[in-house]
Protein backbone atom coordinates (compact mmCIF):
# COMPACT_ATOMS: atom_id res chain seq x y z
CA MET A 1 -5.64 64.04 -130.99
CA PRO A 2 -7.27 65.52 -134.10
CA THR A 3 -9.07 63.50 -136.74
CA THR A 4 -8.98 64.93 -140.25
CA THR A 5 -11.34 63.85 -143.03
CA PHE A 6 -10.11 64.39 -146.59
CA THR A 7 -12.30 64.56 -149.71
CA ILE A 8 -10.54 62.64 -152.50
CA ALA A 9 -12.26 62.42 -155.90
CA SER A 10 -10.01 59.57 -157.08
CA LEU A 11 -11.42 57.17 -154.44
CA THR A 12 -13.55 55.30 -156.96
CA HIS A 13 -12.06 51.80 -156.93
CA ASP A 14 -10.29 49.33 -154.66
CA ASP A 15 -6.82 50.06 -156.01
CA ALA A 16 -7.17 53.77 -155.23
CA ALA A 17 -8.44 52.97 -151.73
CA ALA A 18 -5.45 50.69 -151.14
CA GLU A 19 -3.03 53.35 -152.41
CA VAL A 20 -4.54 56.01 -150.13
CA MET A 21 -4.46 53.67 -147.14
CA PHE A 22 -0.84 52.74 -147.86
CA GLU A 23 0.12 56.42 -148.01
CA LEU A 24 -1.72 57.27 -144.78
CA GLN A 25 -0.27 54.31 -142.91
CA ASP A 26 3.22 55.15 -144.17
CA LEU A 27 3.19 58.68 -142.76
CA PRO A 28 4.57 59.35 -139.29
CA CYS A 29 2.27 60.47 -136.47
CA ILE A 30 -0.90 58.88 -137.92
CA THR A 31 -2.37 56.45 -135.42
CA VAL A 32 -5.54 55.27 -137.22
CA ALA A 33 -6.84 55.75 -140.77
CA ASP A 34 -9.58 54.46 -143.04
CA VAL A 35 -11.27 55.18 -146.37
CA ASP A 36 -14.92 55.37 -147.44
CA MET A 37 -15.16 54.91 -151.21
CA ALA A 38 -18.92 55.61 -151.23
CA LYS A 39 -18.29 59.10 -149.83
CA GLN A 40 -14.91 59.51 -151.60
CA GLU A 41 -13.35 60.31 -148.23
CA ALA A 42 -10.40 59.19 -146.16
CA TRP A 43 -9.82 60.06 -142.52
CA ALA A 44 -6.79 59.96 -140.31
CA GLN A 45 -6.34 60.37 -136.58
CA HIS A 46 -2.97 62.02 -136.05
CA THR A 47 -0.85 63.91 -133.59
CA ASN A 48 -0.17 67.62 -133.89
CA MET A 49 3.32 66.73 -135.15
CA ILE A 50 1.85 66.42 -138.68
CA SER A 51 -0.56 68.93 -140.17
CA PRO A 52 -3.53 68.27 -142.44
CA GLU A 53 -1.65 70.23 -145.12
CA GLU A 54 1.30 67.84 -144.88
CA ILE A 55 -1.00 64.83 -145.12
CA ALA A 56 -2.83 66.34 -148.12
CA ALA A 57 0.51 67.06 -149.81
CA ALA A 58 1.60 63.43 -149.36
CA LEU A 59 -1.70 62.19 -150.79
CA GLU A 60 -1.35 64.54 -153.77
CA GLU A 61 2.22 63.35 -154.35
CA ALA A 62 0.87 59.78 -154.39
CA GLY A 63 -1.62 60.76 -157.12
CA HIS A 64 -4.68 61.35 -154.95
CA PRO A 65 -5.20 65.11 -154.53
CA CYS A 66 -7.65 66.32 -151.90
CA SER A 67 -10.31 68.88 -152.76
CA GLY A 68 -10.62 69.80 -149.09
CA TRP A 69 -10.59 68.56 -145.53
CA THR A 70 -12.20 69.05 -142.14
CA VAL A 71 -10.55 68.70 -138.75
CA GLN A 72 -12.22 67.55 -135.55
CA ASP A 73 -10.31 67.86 -132.27
């Protein structure tokens, strides 16, 4: 199951972290997720039924665009 880490510049305060977590937890096929405001990153462990591009698109739609991501299998 891949884990994808997203770089999100808007992760600067608690409200943004809560919004990102809500969006990640609301998506199908994500089993675990968390945010790190100090690094301005969020990560999600997900099945192959959802792509990092789909996750990034959902985050952008929620107002938290990603400047990039890395995937670890």
